[in-house]
Protein backbone atom coordinates (compact mmCIF):
# COMPACT_ATOMS: atom_id res chain seq x y z
CA MET A 1 -3.46 -4.74 -24.39
CA LYS A 2 -3.88 -7.46 -26.92
CA LYS A 3 -5.31 -10.64 -25.53
CA SER A 4 -7.97 -13.25 -25.70
CA ALA A 5 -11.22 -11.36 -25.15
CA SER A 6 -12.56 -13.94 -22.69
CA LEU A 7 -9.42 -14.21 -20.56
CA PRO A 8 -10.39 -11.60 -17.93
CA LEU A 9 -13.79 -13.27 -17.52
CA ARG A 10 -12.16 -16.69 -17.10
CA LEU A 11 -9.70 -15.27 -14.58
CA LEU A 12 -12.57 -13.67 -12.66
CA ILE A 13 -14.46 -16.98 -12.63
CA GLY A 14 -11.31 -18.66 -11.34
CA VAL A 15 -10.98 -16.09 -8.57
CA ILE A 16 -14.60 -16.48 -7.45
CA ALA A 17 -14.69 -20.27 -7.73
CA GLY A 18 -11.38 -20.74 -5.90
CA ALA A 19 -12.22 -18.32 -3.11
CA LEU A 20 -15.69 -19.82 -2.54
CA LEU A 21 -14.29 -23.35 -2.46
CA GLY A 22 -11.66 -22.23 0.03
CA LEU A 23 -14.33 -20.76 2.28
CA LEU A 24 -16.43 -23.94 2.00
CA ILE A 25 -13.47 -26.22 2.76
CA PRO A 26 -11.34 -24.15 5.18
CA GLN A 27 -8.14 -25.19 6.90
CA GLU A 28 -9.95 -26.45 10.00
CA SER A 29 -12.64 -28.32 8.02
CA ALA A 30 -13.83 -31.60 9.56
CA LEU A 31 -15.34 -32.95 6.36
CA PRO A 32 -14.18 -36.53 5.64
CA PHE A 33 -12.92 -35.72 2.15
CA ALA A 34 -11.32 -32.39 3.08
CA GLU A 35 -7.76 -33.68 3.55
CA ALA A 36 -7.75 -35.53 0.23
CA ALA A 37 -9.20 -32.50 -1.58
CA VAL A 38 -6.60 -30.17 -0.09
CA ASN A 39 -3.77 -32.54 -1.05
CA ILE A 40 -5.01 -32.73 -4.64
CA ILE A 41 -5.44 -28.96 -4.93
CA GLY A 42 -2.01 -28.35 -3.41
CA THR A 43 -0.40 -30.72 -5.90
CA VAL A 44 -2.21 -29.15 -8.85
CA LYS A 45 -1.14 -25.68 -7.71
CA TYR A 46 2.48 -26.79 -7.43
CA ILE A 47 2.61 -28.46 -10.87
CA LEU A 48 0.87 -25.59 -12.67
CA GLY A 49 3.23 -23.14 -10.99
CA GLN A 50 6.21 -25.18 -12.16
CA ILE A 51 4.97 -25.10 -15.77
CA ILE A 52 4.39 -21.35 -15.71
CA ASN A 53 7.78 -20.65 -14.12
CA PHE A 54 9.50 -22.84 -16.69
CA CYS A 55 7.98 -20.81 -19.53
CA VAL A 56 8.96 -17.41 -18.11
CA PRO A 57 12.52 -17.34 -19.58
CA LEU A 58 11.14 -18.54 -22.92
CA ILE A 59 8.63 -15.67 -22.95
CA ILE A 60 11.40 -13.16 -22.21
CA ILE A 61 13.68 -14.42 -24.98
CA GLY A 62 10.83 -14.96 -27.42
CA PHE A 63 9.49 -11.43 -27.21
CA ILE A 64 12.26 -9.04 -26.21
CA ALA A 65 15.04 -10.12 -28.59
CA PRO A 66 12.99 -10.16 -31.83
CA SER A 67 11.21 -6.95 -30.83
CA ILE A 68 14.56 -5.19 -30.53
CA THR A 69 15.60 -6.39 -33.98
CA LYS A 70 12.33 -5.13 -35.48
CA LEU A 71 12.68 -1.71 -33.89
CA GLY A 72 16.34 -1.41 -34.82
CA SER A 73 15.79 -2.18 -38.49
CA ASN A 74 13.13 0.53 -38.84
CA ALA A 75 14.68 3.33 -36.82
CA THR A 76 13.57 6.39 -38.78
CA ARG A 77 13.57 9.78 -37.10
CA LEU A 78 9.83 9.92 -36.38
CA LEU A 79 9.80 6.32 -35.21
CA GLY A 80 12.68 7.10 -32.87
CA VAL A 81 10.83 10.11 -31.46
CA ALA A 82 7.67 8.03 -31.02
CA ILE A 83 9.52 5.28 -29.17
CA VAL A 84 11.27 7.79 -26.89
CA ILE A 85 8.10 9.64 -25.88
CA ALA A 86 6.20 6.35 -25.40
CA TYR A 87 8.97 5.13 -23.08
CA ILE A 88 9.11 8.43 -21.18
CA SER A 89 5.35 8.39 -20.66
CA SER A 90 5.40 4.80 -19.38
CA VAL A 91 8.42 5.15 -17.12
CA LEU A 92 7.21 8.43 -15.58
CA ALA A 93 3.78 6.88 -15.01
CA ALA A 94 5.55 3.99 -13.30
CA PHE A 95 7.53 6.29 -11.03
CA MET A 96 4.40 8.30 -10.18
CA SER A 97 2.69 5.05 -9.23
CA MET A 98 5.72 3.99 -7.19
CA GLY A 99 5.67 7.28 -5.27
CA ALA A 100 1.95 6.86 -4.60
CA GLY A 101 2.61 3.31 -3.42
CA TYR A 102 5.20 4.37 -0.86
CA ALA A 103 2.94 7.21 0.31
CA ILE A 104 -0.37 5.34 0.48
CA ILE A 105 0.14 1.59 0.93
CA PRO A 106 1.77 1.76 4.43
CA HIS A 107 -1.38 3.53 5.66
CA LEU A 108 -3.84 0.97 4.30
CA ALA A 109 -5.39 -1.50 6.74
CA PHE A 110 -3.39 -4.57 5.77
CA ALA A 111 -3.52 -7.80 7.67
CA SER A 112 -0.21 -9.18 6.44
CA THR A 113 -0.17 -12.85 5.50
CA ALA A 114 3.62 -13.00 5.47
CA GLU A 115 3.91 -14.99 8.69
CA GLU A 116 0.47 -16.27 9.58
CA ALA A 117 -0.85 -17.76 6.34
CA ALA A 118 -0.46 -21.49 5.90
CA SER A 119 0.55 -23.02 2.58
CA LEU A 120 -1.25 -25.90 0.94
CA PRO A 121 0.33 -29.33 1.43
CA VAL A 122 2.12 -30.79 -1.61
CA PRO A 123 2.30 -34.59 -1.21
CA PHE A 124 3.58 -35.07 -4.77
CA GLU A 125 6.20 -32.76 -6.30
CA LEU A 126 7.22 -32.66 -9.97
CA ALA A 127 10.05 -30.16 -10.23
CA ILE A 128 10.50 -28.54 -13.67
CA PRO A 129 13.64 -26.34 -13.52
CA GLN A 130 13.92 -23.32 -15.81
CA ILE A 131 16.39 -23.53 -18.71
CA MET A 132 18.11 -20.43 -17.29
CA PRO A 133 17.50 -17.87 -14.53
CA VAL A 134 15.08 -15.08 -15.33
CA MET A 135 17.64 -12.26 -15.19
CA SER A 136 20.00 -14.27 -17.40
CA ALA A 137 17.23 -14.59 -19.98
CA LEU A 138 16.58 -10.85 -19.81
CA VAL A 139 20.22 -9.89 -20.32
CA PHE A 140 20.65 -12.54 -23.03
CA SER A 141 17.61 -11.20 -24.92
CA VAL A 142 18.82 -7.59 -24.85
CA LEU A 143 22.38 -8.43 -25.90
CA VAL A 144 21.40 -10.82 -28.68
CA GLY A 145 18.77 -8.40 -30.00
CA LEU A 146 21.17 -5.46 -30.04
CA ALA A 147 24.02 -7.50 -31.52
CA ALA A 148 21.74 -8.77 -34.30
CA VAL A 149 20.90 -5.15 -35.18
CA TRP A 150 24.54 -4.02 -35.04
CA THR A 151 25.75 -6.86 -37.30
CA ARG A 152 22.62 -6.91 -39.51
CA ALA A 153 22.41 -10.64 -38.90
CA ARG A 154 19.51 -11.57 -41.15
CA THR A 155 19.58 -15.29 -40.36
CA VAL A 156 19.57 -14.76 -36.60
CA THR A 157 16.86 -12.13 -36.94
CA ALA A 158 14.70 -14.55 -38.93
CA VAL A 159 15.31 -17.30 -36.33
CA LEU A 160 14.35 -14.94 -33.49
CA GLU A 161 11.14 -13.95 -35.27
CA GLU A 162 10.25 -17.59 -35.85
CA PHE A 163 11.06 -18.41 -32.22
CA GLN A 164 8.73 -15.57 -31.20
CA GLU A 165 5.92 -17.24 -33.13
CA ILE A 166 6.68 -20.54 -31.39
CA VAL A 167 6.64 -18.95 -27.94
CA LEU A 168 3.44 -17.11 -28.78
CA GLU A 169 1.78 -20.43 -29.52
CA VAL A 170 3.07 -21.82 -26.21
CA VAL A 171 1.54 -18.82 -24.45
CA LYS A 172 -1.77 -19.18 -26.32
CA ARG A 173 -2.09 -22.96 -26.05
CA VAL A 174 -0.46 -23.68 -22.67
CA ILE A 175 -0.05 -20.65 -20.41
CA ILE A 176 -3.35 -18.88 -21.12
CA PRO A 177 -5.52 -22.04 -20.77
CA ILE A 178 -4.00 -23.03 -17.41
CA LEU A 179 -3.96 -19.53 -15.91
CA PRO A 180 -7.60 -19.60 -14.72
CA PHE A 181 -6.99 -22.94 -12.97
CA PHE A 182 -3.76 -21.72 -11.39
CA ILE A 183 -5.49 -18.60 -10.12
CA ALA A 184 -8.45 -20.68 -8.88
CA VAL A 185 -6.23 -22.93 -6.75
CA THR A 186 -4.25 -19.90 -5.54
CA PHE A 187 -7.43 -18.19 -4.39
CA TYR A 188 -8.55 -21.47 -2.89
CA GLN A 189 -5.44 -21.26 -0.70
CA LEU A 190 -6.28 -17.67 0.26
CA GLY A 191 -9.81 -18.72 1.18
CA TRP A 192 -8.61 -21.93 2.87
CA ASN A 193 -6.23 -20.13 5.24
CA GLY A 194 -8.56 -17.14 5.79
CA SER A 195 -6.50 -14.52 3.96
CA ILE A 196 -9.15 -13.59 1.41
CA THR A 197 -11.64 -12.18 3.91
CA ARG A 198 -8.95 -9.98 5.48
CA GLN A 199 -7.49 -8.63 2.23
CA LEU A 200 -10.41 -8.22 -0.20
CA PRO A 201 -11.41 -4.70 0.95
CA VAL A 202 -7.82 -3.52 0.56
CA PHE A 203 -7.58 -4.87 -2.99
CA LEU A 204 -10.83 -3.14 -3.96
CA LEU A 205 -9.48 0.12 -2.54
CA ALA A 206 -6.22 -0.40 -4.48
CA ILE A 207 -8.23 -0.73 -7.72
CA LEU A 208 -10.00 2.58 -7.05
CA ILE A 209 -6.67 4.29 -6.30
CA VAL A 210 -5.19 2.98 -9.56
CA MET A 211 -8.17 4.23 -11.59
CA LEU A 212 -7.72 7.69 -10.06
CA GLY A 213 -4.05 7.48 -11.03
CA HIS A 214 -5.08 6.84 -14.64
CA TYR A 215 -7.03 10.09 -14.80
CA ILE A 216 -4.27 12.06 -13.14
CA TRP A 217 -1.70 10.77 -15.64
CA LEU A 218 -3.95 11.48 -18.62
CA ALA A 219 -4.36 15.05 -17.37
CA VAL A 220 -0.57 15.37 -17.13
CA LEU A 221 -0.04 13.91 -20.61
CA TYR A 222 -2.54 16.20 -22.31
CA GLY A 223 -1.29 19.23 -20.40
CA VAL A 224 2.35 18.62 -21.35
CA SER A 225 1.57 17.69 -24.97
CA GLY A 226 -0.59 20.79 -25.43
CA ALA A 227 2.12 23.03 -23.98
CA TYR A 228 4.77 21.49 -26.28
CA ALA A 229 2.67 21.60 -29.45
CA GLY A 230 1.19 25.00 -28.71
CA ARG A 231 -2.28 23.57 -29.26
CA SER A 232 -5.07 22.64 -26.86
CA GLY A 233 -4.73 19.13 -25.49
CA LEU A 234 -8.31 19.34 -24.22
CA GLU A 235 -9.54 19.76 -27.79
CA VAL A 236 -7.95 16.39 -28.62
CA ALA A 237 -9.12 14.65 -25.45
CA LYS A 238 -12.76 15.67 -25.88
CA HIS A 239 -13.03 13.46 -28.99
CA TYR A 240 -11.78 10.34 -27.19
CA GLY A 241 -14.99 9.38 -25.36
CA PRO A 242 -16.03 6.67 -27.85
CA ALA A 243 -12.51 5.18 -27.90
CA TYR A 244 -12.36 5.14 -24.09
CA LEU A 245 -15.71 3.36 -23.80
CA THR A 246 -14.78 0.91 -26.56
CA ALA A 247 -11.55 0.04 -24.77
CA VAL A 248 -13.43 -0.49 -21.50
CA GLY A 249 -15.79 -2.88 -23.28
CA THR A 250 -13.29 -4.78 -25.41
CA MET A 251 -10.24 -4.70 -23.10
CA SER A 252 -8.16 -4.65 -26.29
CA SER A 253 -6.17 -1.88 -27.94
CA ALA A 254 -6.36 -3.79 -31.23
CA ALA A 255 -10.15 -3.99 -31.13
CA THR A 256 -10.29 -0.27 -30.28
CA LEU A 257 -7.86 0.87 -32.99
CA ALA A 258 -10.47 1.70 -35.64
CA VAL A 259 -12.49 3.79 -33.19
CA ALA A 260 -9.35 5.49 -31.87
CA LEU A 261 -8.36 6.49 -35.41
CA GLN A 262 -11.81 7.97 -36.02
CA CYS A 263 -11.67 9.93 -32.76
CA ALA A 264 -8.17 11.27 -33.45
CA HIS A 265 -9.06 12.32 -37.00
CA LYS A 266 -11.90 14.45 -35.62
CA SER A 267 -9.43 16.68 -33.80
CA LYS A 268 -8.38 19.81 -35.68
CA ASN A 269 -5.19 19.97 -33.59
CA LEU A 270 -3.74 16.70 -34.90
CA ARG A 271 -2.14 16.37 -38.32
CA SER A 272 -3.80 13.57 -40.27
CA ASP A 273 -0.49 12.02 -41.30
CA MET A 274 0.66 11.97 -37.67
CA VAL A 275 -2.62 10.30 -36.70
CA ASP A 276 -2.22 7.61 -39.35
CA PHE A 277 1.35 7.00 -38.20
CA GLY A 278 1.10 7.53 -34.45
CA ILE A 279 -2.18 5.96 -33.35
CA PRO A 280 -1.48 2.42 -34.71
CA LEU A 281 2.12 2.58 -33.46
CA PHE A 282 1.28 3.81 -29.97
CA ALA A 283 -1.44 1.17 -29.68
CA ASN A 284 1.42 -1.34 -29.60
CA ILE A 285 4.16 0.45 -27.67
CA HIS A 286 2.44 2.94 -25.33
CA LEU A 287 1.09 1.17 -22.24
CA CYS A 288 1.20 3.92 -19.60
CA GLY A 289 -2.03 2.82 -17.89
CA SER A 290 -0.97 -0.81 -17.69
CA VAL A 291 2.48 0.08 -16.35
CA LEU A 292 1.04 2.45 -13.75
CA THR A 293 -1.39 -0.24 -12.63
CA GLU A 294 1.16 -3.01 -12.44
CA VAL A 295 3.61 -1.02 -10.32
CA PHE A 296 1.02 -0.11 -7.68
CA PHE A 297 -0.44 -3.62 -7.60
CA CYS A 298 3.02 -5.20 -7.28
CA MET A 299 3.68 -3.04 -4.23
CA THR A 300 0.26 -3.94 -2.80
CA VAL A 301 0.80 -7.67 -3.30
CA SER A 302 4.27 -7.43 -1.78
CA GLN A 303 2.82 -5.83 1.35
CA VAL A 304 0.01 -8.38 1.57
CA LEU A 305 1.94 -11.60 0.94
CA TYR A 306 5.44 -10.77 2.13
CA GLY A 307 4.79 -8.20 4.83
CA SER A 308 6.81 -5.30 3.39
CA LEU A 309 7.26 -3.09 0.36
CA PRO A 310 10.21 -3.71 -1.99
CA SER A 311 13.19 -1.44 -1.47
CA PHE A 312 13.39 1.84 -3.38
CA GLY A 313 16.28 0.59 -5.53
CA THR A 314 14.43 -2.60 -6.41
CA MET A 315 11.28 -0.75 -7.37
CA ALA A 316 13.21 1.83 -9.40
CA LEU A 317 14.90 -0.95 -11.39
CA PHE A 318 11.55 -2.66 -11.87
CA CYS A 319 9.96 0.56 -13.20
CA VAL A 320 12.77 1.20 -15.68
CA LEU A 321 12.73 -2.37 -17.00
CA LEU A 322 8.93 -2.61 -17.07
CA ALA A 323 8.71 0.50 -19.27
CA VAL A 324 11.26 -1.05 -21.65
CA PHE A 325 9.31 -4.29 -21.62
CA ALA A 326 6.06 -2.47 -22.47
CA ILE A 327 7.69 -1.24 -25.68
CA GLY A 328 9.69 -4.36 -26.48
CA ALA A 329 7.00 -6.99 -26.03
CA PRO A 330 3.60 -5.69 -27.18
CA GLY A 331 0.65 -7.86 -28.07
CA VAL A 332 1.23 -10.77 -25.71
CA PRO A 333 -2.05 -12.55 -24.99
CA GLY A 334 -2.92 -12.10 -21.35
CA GLY A 335 -1.72 -8.51 -21.13
CA THR A 336 1.32 -6.68 -19.87
CA VAL A 337 1.37 -8.51 -16.55
CA VAL A 338 1.67 -11.92 -18.25
CA ALA A 339 4.47 -10.68 -20.48
CA SER A 340 6.33 -9.22 -17.51
CA LEU A 341 6.13 -12.26 -15.23
CA GLY A 342 9.87 -12.59 -15.68
CA LEU A 343 10.45 -9.16 -14.17
CA ILE A 344 8.02 -9.83 -11.34
CA ALA A 345 9.81 -13.06 -10.51
CA GLY A 346 13.38 -11.96 -11.20
CA VAL A 347 13.45 -8.39 -9.88
CA LEU A 348 10.76 -8.43 -7.19
CA GLN A 349 11.34 -12.09 -6.26
CA PHE A 350 7.62 -12.95 -6.24
CA ASP A 351 6.85 -16.64 -5.89
CA GLY A 352 4.00 -18.45 -7.65
CA ALA A 353 1.38 -17.17 -5.20
CA GLY A 354 2.49 -13.58 -5.71
CA GLN A 355 2.44 -13.93 -9.49
CA ALA A 356 -1.03 -15.48 -9.45
CA LEU A 357 -2.39 -12.76 -7.18
CA MET A 358 -0.94 -10.12 -9.50
CA LEU A 359 -2.61 -11.74 -12.51
CA ALA A 360 -5.96 -11.84 -10.75
CA ILE A 361 -6.21 -8.29 -9.43
CA PHE A 362 -4.70 -6.90 -12.65
CA ALA A 363 -7.44 -8.60 -14.64
CA LEU A 364 -10.15 -7.05 -12.45
CA GLN A 365 -9.30 -3.53 -13.67
CA ASP A 366 -7.70 -4.42 -17.00
CA SER A 367 -10.34 -2.67 -19.09
CA PHE A 368 -9.64 0.69 -17.45
CA GLY A 369 -5.89 0.28 -17.88
CA THR A 370 -6.41 -0.39 -21.58
CA ALA A 371 -8.69 2.66 -21.84
CA CYS A 372 -5.93 4.80 -20.28
CA ASN A 373 -3.42 3.42 -22.80
CA VAL A 374 -5.67 4.19 -25.77
CA THR A 375 -6.66 7.66 -24.59
CA GLY A 376 -3.05 8.56 -23.83
CA ASP A 377 -2.13 7.80 -27.44
CA GLY A 378 -3.92 10.99 -28.49
CA ALA A 379 -1.61 13.07 -26.28
CA LEU A 380 1.52 11.48 -27.74
CA THR A 381 0.20 12.01 -31.26
CA LEU A 382 -0.19 15.70 -30.39
CA ILE A 383 3.49 15.73 -29.41
CA LEU A 384 4.36 14.16 -32.78
CA THR A 385 2.29 16.84 -34.50
CA GLY A 386 4.18 19.55 -32.62
CA TYR A 387 7.52 17.90 -33.44
CA ALA A 388 6.68 17.70 -37.14
CA GLU A 389 5.69 21.35 -37.22
CA LYS A 390 8.74 22.55 -35.28
CA HIS A 391 11.11 20.59 -37.53
CA HIS A 392 9.30 21.53 -40.76
CA ILE A 393 8.44 17.96 -41.71
CA LYS A 394 6.14 18.20 -44.70
CA GLN A 395 2.72 16.68 -44.33
CA ALA A 396 2.36 13.38 -46.16
CA ASP A 397 -0.39 12.97 -48.71
CA ALA A 398 -0.87 9.29 -47.84
CA PRO A 399 -0.90 7.48 -44.48
CA PHE A 400 2.38 6.26 -43.08
CA SER A 401 2.98 2.54 -43.45
């Protein structure tokens, strides 16, 4: 994922600071300033949540619609194949994670906060309504993006691209800076009402389960790609150690791209032209590890905060749309989970507390999700190599642009 390098650290600081403050000033605190402090924190949490929720439809329109126009105007055969296999990898990873969620989460030792957890008081409310509902923004973005491609509307396409730049600046200068504070006050609430001490072990276990899921999915990807290409997927994967470690350290596919290219070029089973084309492209559109993580964490948060898992139909719709979103809106600072807040709110009906909790626990394992994304790109490039060979596509002398 492409993001500010210090964001996960700031989110982690917000989690720790908020939780500790909540434990120091709990709901039953007798300190003379406790009531005033709780009122201020509750108001701050409400206002920050209103700002974030207001920006969600803007993020959806600003990233999905122009991304569709960009993809549609460059739809060559190899690009089409790359997009299809990236989507298939992400959506199948999402469904695997969903199946694991239904099988595992009901057996975890949850102490549900759905009924017992108190909410912070909000003595002052400043409502900031969204310009349109989240699902309306999603449908609007898809239809406008597709129609712009169909009609070759250059002016609208240029406007959408410029609007994307505007929204990106809003995300960078408004959403990202306030996220650590919003998460801090959210975790203050969890510490204040006692939820944090009951749920922390379960969240740590969920992170370990997700990391195991990453390795399982990478094994599946390299097994399938090797079978399709008729070449060893293990031979490709064995070169990816430096890229995996770089992704863990940088938490950025962009920062890892140079190392990933070097690792892929060392493999004798990958065509060099497919590496030059596939690795940079998949770094932007193939987010299997992030999608897998988000699905399982969404189900975990739903169980913790709302007392139940989403229905099968709801989760299936979320998985399908999330995989589309991973392709359509790459490079959003703050990662996949920030870009998909609209889906979390619109499809899963998470409120501000649920969204903040998702942001926090996602950030705790974000480096491993990025490493899964980067390492999985080698498997998809092996599929491209097999496709090029099977369809007698001549090897290019120069890298693809």
